[in-house]
């Protein structure tokens, strides 16, 4: 993942001429930018909306689509990105085939992707995801052998919940953060990905004090903003809604969000 200027990109098939909008999206964006092929399963009424924003060591984005199939073939890997993507399912189900694993993911679960390997993702109904891409070298300073986790599910838990909340706030922005702030946010996001996957013992303290602490502060401020106009506003209620940091740290120590090996990801661990 080469350095990218801080910007906020939004693209939709709705921005393209109706006559050939899907073809234009496939040729000019999917194949050139995403390095993937795309197949329409919407009976000729496709709509795909994408956002993307680089933030230092990480990049965040969203994808929402009518029934569609994205495929990264081996020939797409010639200009591959040296990194990983954690895809959090917002609306499912979504079927993924990656690293020899075939799994179906429901809302709230996450799928970990190695961008140097082929991938197939198919949403049989309208589906949406939030995703975060991180540089391989940066993640490997916090997580041992993340390539071994590719193709598996990440269990919902406190760290994944914090990461998802952070992504929701970032992908709803109208403008990217300042050049001074963006790399700091990128570090926080990297920490949260590590917390969800399971950091090494040496990295756990860094992750807890840096990324997790920042994300929990963001969650507290968001909850205060949401409840402040309520006549029954109470900080105890805010604390209860956000959850104590004590619930997160033990989860980091044991690798919360643990990668789960199962064929169907809609059942409790």
Protein backbone atom coordinates (compact mmCIF):
# COMPACT_ATOMS: atom_id res chain seq x y z
CA UNK A 1 0.00 0.00 0.00
CA UNK A 2 1.93 3.07 -1.20
CA UNK A 3 1.45 6.43 0.56
CA UNK A 4 -1.83 8.03 -0.46
CA UNK A 5 -2.90 11.69 -0.06
CA UNK A 6 -5.57 12.24 2.59
CA UNK A 7 -8.86 12.52 0.75
CA UNK A 8 -12.42 11.24 0.87
CA UNK A 9 -13.59 9.39 -2.21
CA UNK A 10 -17.25 8.60 -2.85
CA UNK A 11 -18.34 6.83 -6.01
CA UNK A 12 -21.67 5.37 -7.04
CA UNK A 13 -23.04 3.74 -10.13
CA UNK A 14 -25.74 6.43 -9.88
CA UNK A 15 -23.10 9.02 -10.87
CA UNK A 16 -22.58 7.31 -14.24
CA UNK A 17 -24.71 7.49 -17.41
CA UNK A 18 -27.63 5.09 -17.03
CA UNK A 19 -27.12 3.42 -20.39
CA UNK A 20 -23.75 1.86 -19.50
CA UNK A 21 -23.29 2.64 -15.81
CA UNK A 22 -22.52 -0.92 -14.68
CA UNK A 23 -20.06 -1.50 -17.52
CA UNK A 24 -18.34 1.80 -16.75
CA UNK A 25 -18.15 0.99 -13.03
CA UNK A 26 -16.70 -2.44 -13.76
CA UNK A 27 -14.08 -1.24 -16.24
CA UNK A 28 -13.04 2.09 -14.74
CA UNK A 29 -13.35 1.46 -11.02
CA UNK A 30 -13.65 -2.23 -10.11
CA UNK A 31 -10.92 -3.49 -12.42
CA UNK A 32 -8.61 -0.47 -12.35
CA UNK A 33 -8.94 0.67 -8.72
CA UNK A 34 -10.25 -2.28 -6.70
CA UNK A 35 -8.28 -4.78 -8.81
CA UNK A 36 -11.35 -7.02 -8.92
CA UNK A 37 -13.98 -8.16 -11.37
CA UNK A 38 -17.64 -7.60 -10.64
CA UNK A 39 -20.71 -9.54 -11.81
CA UNK A 40 -24.25 -8.18 -11.59
CA UNK A 41 -26.93 -10.44 -10.06
CA UNK A 42 -29.61 -7.76 -9.72
CA UNK A 43 -31.62 -8.62 -12.86
CA UNK A 44 -30.29 -5.55 -14.61
CA UNK A 45 -30.92 -3.00 -11.87
CA UNK A 46 -27.51 -2.71 -10.18
CA UNK A 47 -26.51 -0.07 -7.69
CA UNK A 48 -23.11 0.02 -5.99
CA UNK A 49 -21.96 2.75 -3.59
CA UNK A 50 -18.36 2.95 -2.38
CA UNK A 51 -16.48 5.25 0.00
CA UNK A 52 -12.75 5.25 0.64
CA UNK A 53 -10.51 7.36 2.87
CA UNK A 54 -6.77 6.78 3.55
CA UNK A 55 -5.54 7.53 7.07
CA UNK A 56 -1.82 6.88 7.40
CA UNK A 57 -1.22 3.21 8.23
CA UNK A 58 -4.85 2.42 7.51
CA UNK A 59 -7.62 3.20 5.05
CA UNK A 60 -11.34 2.98 5.77
CA UNK A 61 -14.28 2.51 3.48
CA UNK A 62 -17.78 1.21 2.87
CA UNK A 63 -19.44 -0.83 0.18
CA UNK A 64 -23.20 -1.15 -0.33
CA UNK A 65 -24.65 -3.02 -3.27
CA UNK A 66 -27.62 -4.76 -4.79
CA UNK A 67 -27.00 -8.49 -5.41
CA UNK A 68 -23.51 -8.55 -6.88
CA UNK A 69 -20.37 -10.68 -6.92
CA UNK A 70 -16.83 -9.35 -6.53
CA UNK A 71 -13.94 -11.59 -7.58
CA UNK A 72 -10.19 -11.09 -7.27
CA UNK A 73 -8.54 -13.54 -9.65
CA UNK A 74 -4.87 -14.48 -9.70
CA UNK A 75 -4.17 -12.07 -12.56
CA UNK A 76 -5.40 -9.19 -10.40
CA UNK A 77 -2.60 -9.92 -7.93
CA UNK A 78 0.12 -8.74 -10.31
CA UNK A 79 -0.41 -5.21 -8.96
CA UNK A 80 -1.48 -6.48 -5.55
CA UNK A 81 -1.67 -4.41 -2.38
CA UNK A 82 0.68 -5.48 0.39
CA UNK A 83 -1.82 -5.51 3.21
CA UNK A 84 -4.88 -6.93 4.93
CA UNK A 85 -8.54 -5.92 5.10
CA UNK A 86 -10.99 -6.48 7.95
CA UNK A 87 -14.53 -6.44 6.56
CA UNK A 88 -17.34 -5.88 9.08
CA UNK A 89 -20.75 -6.99 7.84
CA UNK A 90 -23.36 -4.27 8.25
CA UNK A 91 -26.10 -5.95 6.22
CA UNK A 92 -25.85 -9.60 5.26
CA UNK A 93 -25.65 -12.37 4.52
CA UNK A 94 -22.47 -12.32 2.43
CA UNK A 95 -20.74 -15.45 1.14
CA UNK A 96 -16.94 -15.35 0.97
CA UNK A 97 -14.45 -17.76 -0.58
CA UNK A 98 -10.88 -17.02 0.46
CA UNK A 99 -7.74 -19.08 1.19
CA UNK A 100 -9.65 -22.29 0.55
CA UNK A 101 -12.38 -21.36 3.06
CA UNK A 102 -16.05 -20.90 2.13
CA UNK A 103 -18.10 -19.10 4.78
CA UNK A 104 -21.34 -17.18 5.14
CA UNK A 105 -21.25 -14.07 7.31
CA UNK A 106 -24.19 -12.40 9.00
CA UNK A 107 -24.53 -8.89 10.40
CA UNK A 108 -22.02 -8.05 13.14
CA UNK A 109 -19.37 -10.55 12.14
CA UNK A 110 -16.13 -9.70 10.38
CA UNK A 111 -14.04 -11.38 7.69
CA UNK A 112 -10.25 -11.07 7.55
CA UNK A 113 -8.71 -10.83 4.08
CA UNK A 114 -5.14 -11.16 2.80
CA UNK A 115 -4.98 -8.89 -0.26
CA UNK A 116 -2.24 -11.01 -1.82
CA UNK A 117 -4.61 -13.96 -2.33
CA UNK A 118 -7.68 -14.52 -4.54
CA UNK A 119 -11.10 -13.67 -3.11
CA UNK A 120 -14.76 -14.08 -4.00
CA UNK A 121 -17.56 -12.23 -2.22
CA UNK A 122 -21.25 -12.56 -3.07
CA UNK A 123 -24.27 -10.89 -1.51
CA UNK A 124 -27.46 -12.66 -2.66
CA UNK A 125 -29.54 -9.72 -1.40
CA UNK A 126 -28.76 -6.07 -0.78
CA UNK A 127 -25.61 -6.12 1.34
CA UNK A 128 -23.26 -3.60 2.92
CA UNK A 129 -19.94 -3.68 4.73
CA UNK A 130 -17.57 -1.34 6.52
CA UNK A 131 -13.93 -2.14 6.00
CA UNK A 132 -10.47 -1.16 7.11
CA UNK A 133 -7.28 -1.87 5.19
CA UNK A 134 -3.95 -1.93 7.04
CA UNK A 135 -0.39 -2.25 5.82
CA UNK A 136 1.07 -5.71 6.30
CA UNK A 137 4.31 -4.51 7.89
CA UNK A 138 2.45 -2.32 10.39
CA UNK A 139 0.02 -5.06 11.46
CA UNK A 140 2.82 -7.58 11.86
CA UNK A 141 4.37 -5.39 14.58
CA UNK A 142 1.24 -6.06 16.68
CA UNK A 143 -0.13 -9.43 15.53
CA UNK A 144 1.92 -12.58 14.99
CA UNK A 145 1.51 -14.13 11.51
CA UNK A 146 -1.74 -12.39 10.51
CA UNK A 147 -1.59 -14.15 7.13
CA UNK A 148 -2.54 -17.35 8.95
CA UNK A 149 -5.83 -15.75 10.02
CA UNK A 150 -6.97 -14.91 6.48
CA UNK A 151 -10.25 -16.42 5.36
CA UNK A 152 -11.66 -16.86 8.85
CA UNK A 153 -14.32 -15.12 10.90
CA UNK A 154 -13.68 -12.59 13.64
CA UNK A 155 -16.07 -13.09 16.54
CA UNK A 156 -18.17 -10.08 17.66
CA UNK A 157 -16.82 -8.66 20.91
CA UNK A 158 -15.84 -5.43 22.70
CA UNK A 159 -12.82 -4.64 20.51
CA UNK A 160 -14.71 -5.27 17.26
CA UNK A 161 -17.63 -3.21 18.60
CA UNK A 162 -15.33 -0.26 19.30
CA UNK A 163 -13.70 -0.56 15.89
CA UNK A 164 -17.06 -0.66 14.15
CA UNK A 165 -18.22 2.44 16.02
CA UNK A 166 -15.05 4.26 15.05
CA UNK A 167 -15.53 3.26 11.41
CA UNK A 168 -19.16 4.42 11.44
CA UNK A 169 -18.13 7.88 12.60
CA UNK A 170 -15.27 8.16 10.11
CA UNK A 171 -17.19 6.97 7.07
CA UNK A 172 -20.00 9.41 7.81
CA UNK A 173 -17.67 12.43 7.54
CA UNK A 174 -18.17 14.90 4.71
CA UNK A 175 -14.48 15.88 4.68
CA UNK A 176 -11.36 13.90 5.62
CA UNK A 177 -9.55 14.68 8.90
CA UNK A 178 -6.69 17.17 8.79
CA UNK A 179 -3.26 15.93 7.58
CA UNK A 180 -2.03 16.26 11.17
CA UNK A 181 -4.85 14.17 12.65
CA UNK A 182 -5.24 11.50 9.96
CA UNK A 183 -2.08 9.47 10.77
CA UNK A 184 -2.99 9.44 14.47
CA UNK A 185 -6.44 8.06 13.63
CA UNK A 186 -4.74 5.50 11.40
CA UNK A 187 -2.64 4.30 14.35
CA UNK A 188 -5.76 4.01 16.52
CA UNK A 189 -7.50 1.95 13.85
CA UNK A 190 -4.46 -0.30 13.47
CA UNK A 191 -4.52 -0.92 17.23
CA UNK A 192 -8.21 -1.82 17.14
CA UNK A 193 -7.70 -4.28 14.30
CA UNK A 194 -4.93 -5.88 16.35
CA UNK A 195 -7.20 -5.97 19.40
CA UNK A 196 -9.93 -7.72 17.40
CA UNK A 197 -7.53 -10.30 15.95
CA UNK A 198 -5.43 -10.84 19.08
CA UNK A 199 -2.17 -8.91 19.59
CA UNK A 200 1.09 -10.39 20.80
CA UNK A 201 1.78 -10.15 24.53
CA UNK A 202 4.31 -7.37 23.94
CA UNK A 203 1.82 -5.35 21.88
CA UNK A 204 -1.25 -5.80 24.11
CA UNK A 205 -0.35 -2.94 26.46
CA UNK A 206 0.30 -0.55 23.55
CA UNK A 207 -3.00 -1.47 21.92
CA UNK A 208 -4.97 -1.01 25.16
CA UNK A 209 -3.44 2.37 26.03
CA UNK A 210 -3.47 3.86 22.54
CA UNK A 211 -6.13 2.70 20.08
CA UNK A 212 -8.67 1.14 22.47
CA UNK A 213 -8.53 4.09 24.86
CA UNK A 214 -9.05 6.57 22.03
CA UNK A 215 -11.95 4.59 20.57
CA UNK A 216 -13.68 4.30 23.94
CA UNK A 217 -13.34 8.07 24.44
CA UNK A 218 -14.93 8.60 21.03
CA UNK A 219 -17.77 6.25 22.01
CA UNK A 220 -18.33 8.09 25.31
CA UNK A 221 -18.46 11.49 23.61
CA UNK A 222 -20.86 10.16 20.97
CA UNK A 223 -23.13 8.69 23.65
CA UNK A 224 -23.11 11.97 25.60
CA UNK A 225 -23.98 13.87 22.43
CA UNK A 226 -26.85 11.49 21.71
CA UNK A 227 -28.32 11.64 25.23
CA UNK A 228 -27.55 15.23 26.27
CA UNK A 229 -30.92 16.70 25.26
CA UNK A 230 -32.79 13.98 27.15
CA UNK A 231 -34.29 15.30 30.44
CA UNK A 232 -33.20 12.05 32.11
CA UNK A 233 -29.57 12.48 31.02
CA UNK A 234 -27.30 10.68 33.48
CA UNK A 235 -23.59 9.89 33.20
CA UNK A 236 -24.19 6.53 34.85
CA UNK A 237 -26.43 5.61 31.93
CA UNK A 238 -23.71 6.71 29.51
CA UNK A 239 -21.17 4.52 31.28
CA UNK A 240 -23.53 1.58 31.18
CA UNK A 241 -24.19 2.00 27.47
CA UNK A 242 -20.53 2.28 26.52
CA UNK A 243 -19.26 -0.41 28.87
CA UNK A 244 -16.26 -0.40 31.19
CA UNK A 245 -12.73 -0.55 29.87
CA UNK A 246 -12.25 -3.51 32.22
CA UNK A 247 -14.45 -5.54 29.90
CA UNK A 248 -12.15 -4.81 26.98
CA UNK A 249 -8.67 -5.33 28.39
CA UNK A 250 -9.09 -9.01 29.34
CA UNK A 251 -10.55 -9.60 25.90
CA UNK A 252 -7.44 -8.08 24.30
CA UNK A 253 -5.19 -10.26 26.44
CA UNK A 254 -6.90 -13.43 25.23
CA UNK A 255 -7.31 -12.22 21.63
CA UNK A 256 -10.88 -10.97 21.69
CA UNK A 257 -12.66 -11.06 18.49
CA UNK A 258 -10.87 -14.34 18.19
CA UNK A 259 -10.67 -15.81 14.76
CA UNK A 260 -13.34 -18.50 14.65
CA UNK A 261 -13.13 -21.62 12.50
CA UNK A 262 -16.66 -22.55 11.45
CA UNK A 263 -18.68 -22.88 8.29
CA UNK A 264 -21.53 -20.63 9.38
CA UNK A 265 -20.95 -17.46 11.35
CA UNK A 266 -24.44 -16.69 12.57
CA UNK A 267 -24.36 -18.82 15.70
CA UNK A 268 -22.81 -18.12 19.09
CA UNK A 269 -19.22 -19.18 19.68
